[in-house]
Amino acid sequence: MDEGKKMSQFHTMWSLKQQDLVFKERLSKNKLLDSLIAKKGPLADEEEALKKKLINELMSN
């Protein structure tokens, strides 16, 4: 019985950790997009492509 409780707690902790990682990844993408948007002057082709990709990803979630 105690083993089942430990497994349940582990699964709960694992689920929270996964949610935290998803949140941190989204936050990181938001910060990167903010920095690209705030950049003065024209963006390099790679930066423009990344900006479009991040916007698409963040809007689809």
C-alpha atoms as a PDB file:
ATOM      1  CA  MET A   1       0.000   0.000   0.000  1.00  0.00           C
ATOM      2  CA  ASP A   2       2.801   2.401   0.907  1.00  0.00           C
ATOM      3  CA  GLU A   3       4.539   1.639  -2.397  1.00  0.00           C
ATOM      4  CA  GLY A   4       1.417   2.665  -4.333  1.00  0.00           C
ATOM      5  CA  LYS A   5       1.284   5.960  -2.470  1.00  0.00           C
ATOM      6  CA  LYS A   6       4.947   6.628  -3.267  1.00  0.00           C
ATOM      7  CA  MET A   7       4.353   5.888  -6.940  1.00  0.00           C
ATOM      8  CA  SER A   8       1.373   8.227  -6.986  1.00  0.00           C
ATOM      9  CA  GLN A   9       3.434  10.985  -5.388  1.00  0.00           C
ATOM     10  CA  PHE A  10       6.224  10.367  -7.896  1.00  0.00           C
ATOM     11  CA  HIS A  11       3.823  10.619 -10.849  1.00  0.00           C
ATOM     12  CA  THR A  12       2.363  13.821  -9.431  1.00  0.00           C
ATOM     13  CA  MET A  13       5.837  15.295  -8.950  1.00  0.00           C
ATOM     14  CA  TRP A  14       6.887  14.196 -12.445  1.00  0.00           C
ATOM     15  CA  SER A  15       3.778  15.773 -13.969  1.00  0.00           C
ATOM     16  CA  LEU A  16       4.453  19.066 -12.185  1.00  0.00           C
ATOM     17  CA  LYS A  17       8.074  19.011 -13.358  1.00  0.00           C
ATOM     18  CA  GLN A  18       6.980  18.483 -16.959  1.00  0.00           C
ATOM     19  CA  GLN A  19       4.513  21.368 -16.709  1.00  0.00           C
ATOM     20  CA  ASP A  20       7.257  23.545 -15.250  1.00  0.00           C
ATOM     21  CA  LEU A  21       9.605  22.707 -18.130  1.00  0.00           C
ATOM     22  CA  VAL A  22       6.910  23.546 -20.691  1.00  0.00           C
ATOM     23  CA  PHE A  23       6.270  26.862 -18.932  1.00  0.00           C
ATOM     24  CA  LYS A  24       9.984  27.706 -18.836  1.00  0.00           C
ATOM     25  CA  GLU A  25      10.392  26.875 -22.528  1.00  0.00           C
ATOM     26  CA  ARG A  26       7.439  29.111 -23.441  1.00  0.00           C
ATOM     27  CA  LEU A  27       8.822  31.906 -21.279  1.00  0.00           C
ATOM     28  CA  SER A  28      12.214  31.579 -22.952  1.00  0.00           C
ATOM     29  CA  LYS A  29      10.619  31.792 -26.398  1.00  0.00           C
ATOM     30  CA  ASN A  30       8.634  34.855 -25.331  1.00  0.00           C
ATOM     31  CA  LYS A  31      11.794  36.585 -24.109  1.00  0.00           C
ATOM     32  CA  LEU A  32      13.606  35.778 -27.339  1.00  0.00           C
ATOM     33  CA  LEU A  33      10.692  37.083 -29.411  1.00  0.00           C
ATOM     34  CA  ASP A  34      10.565  40.250 -27.299  1.00  0.00           C
ATOM     35  CA  SER A  35      14.251  40.863 -27.925  1.00  0.00           C
ATOM     36  CA  LEU A  36      13.810  40.386 -31.679  1.00  0.00           C
ATOM     37  CA  ILE A  37      10.822  42.732 -31.765  1.00  0.00           C
ATOM     38  CA  ALA A  38      12.647  45.378 -29.703  1.00  0.00           C
ATOM     39  CA  LYS A  39      15.758  45.255 -31.878  1.00  0.00           C
ATOM     40  CA  LYS A  40      16.323  48.491 -33.743  1.00  0.00           C
ATOM     41  CA  GLY A  41      17.039  48.437 -37.420  1.00  0.00           C
ATOM     42  CA  PRO A  42      16.400  45.667 -39.899  1.00  0.00           C
ATOM     43  CA  LEU A  43      16.745  42.065 -38.808  1.00  0.00           C
ATOM     44  CA  ALA A  44      19.053  39.622 -40.523  1.00  0.00           C
ATOM     45  CA  ASP A  45      17.295  36.978 -42.615  1.00  0.00           C
ATOM     46  CA  GLU A  46      17.875  34.342 -39.918  1.00  0.00           C
ATOM     47  CA  GLU A  47      16.485  36.613 -37.216  1.00  0.00           C
ATOM     48  CA  GLU A  48      13.413  37.426 -39.300  1.00  0.00           C
ATOM     49  CA  ALA A  49      12.806  33.724 -39.950  1.00  0.00           C
ATOM     50  CA  LEU A  50      13.192  32.964 -36.235  1.00  0.00           C
ATOM     51  CA  LYS A  51      10.802  35.774 -35.339  1.00  0.00           C
ATOM     52  CA  LYS A  52       8.156  34.401 -37.709  1.00  0.00           C
ATOM     53  CA  LYS A  53       8.671  30.870 -36.410  1.00  0.00           C
ATOM     54  CA  LEU A  54       8.325  31.973 -32.784  1.00  0.00           C
ATOM     55  CA  ILE A  55       5.188  33.962 -33.539  1.00  0.00           C
ATOM     56  CA  ASN A  56       3.628  30.961 -35.290  1.00  0.00           C
ATOM     57  CA  GLU A  57       4.566  28.605 -32.432  1.00  0.00           C
ATOM     58  CA  LEU A  58       3.328  30.906 -29.708  1.00  0.00           C
ATOM     59  CA  MET A  59       0.074  31.704 -31.509  1.00  0.00           C
ATOM     60  CA  SER A  60      -0.711  28.034 -32.171  1.00  0.00           C
ATOM     61  CA  ASN A  61      -0.387  27.059 -28.499  1.00  0.00           C
END
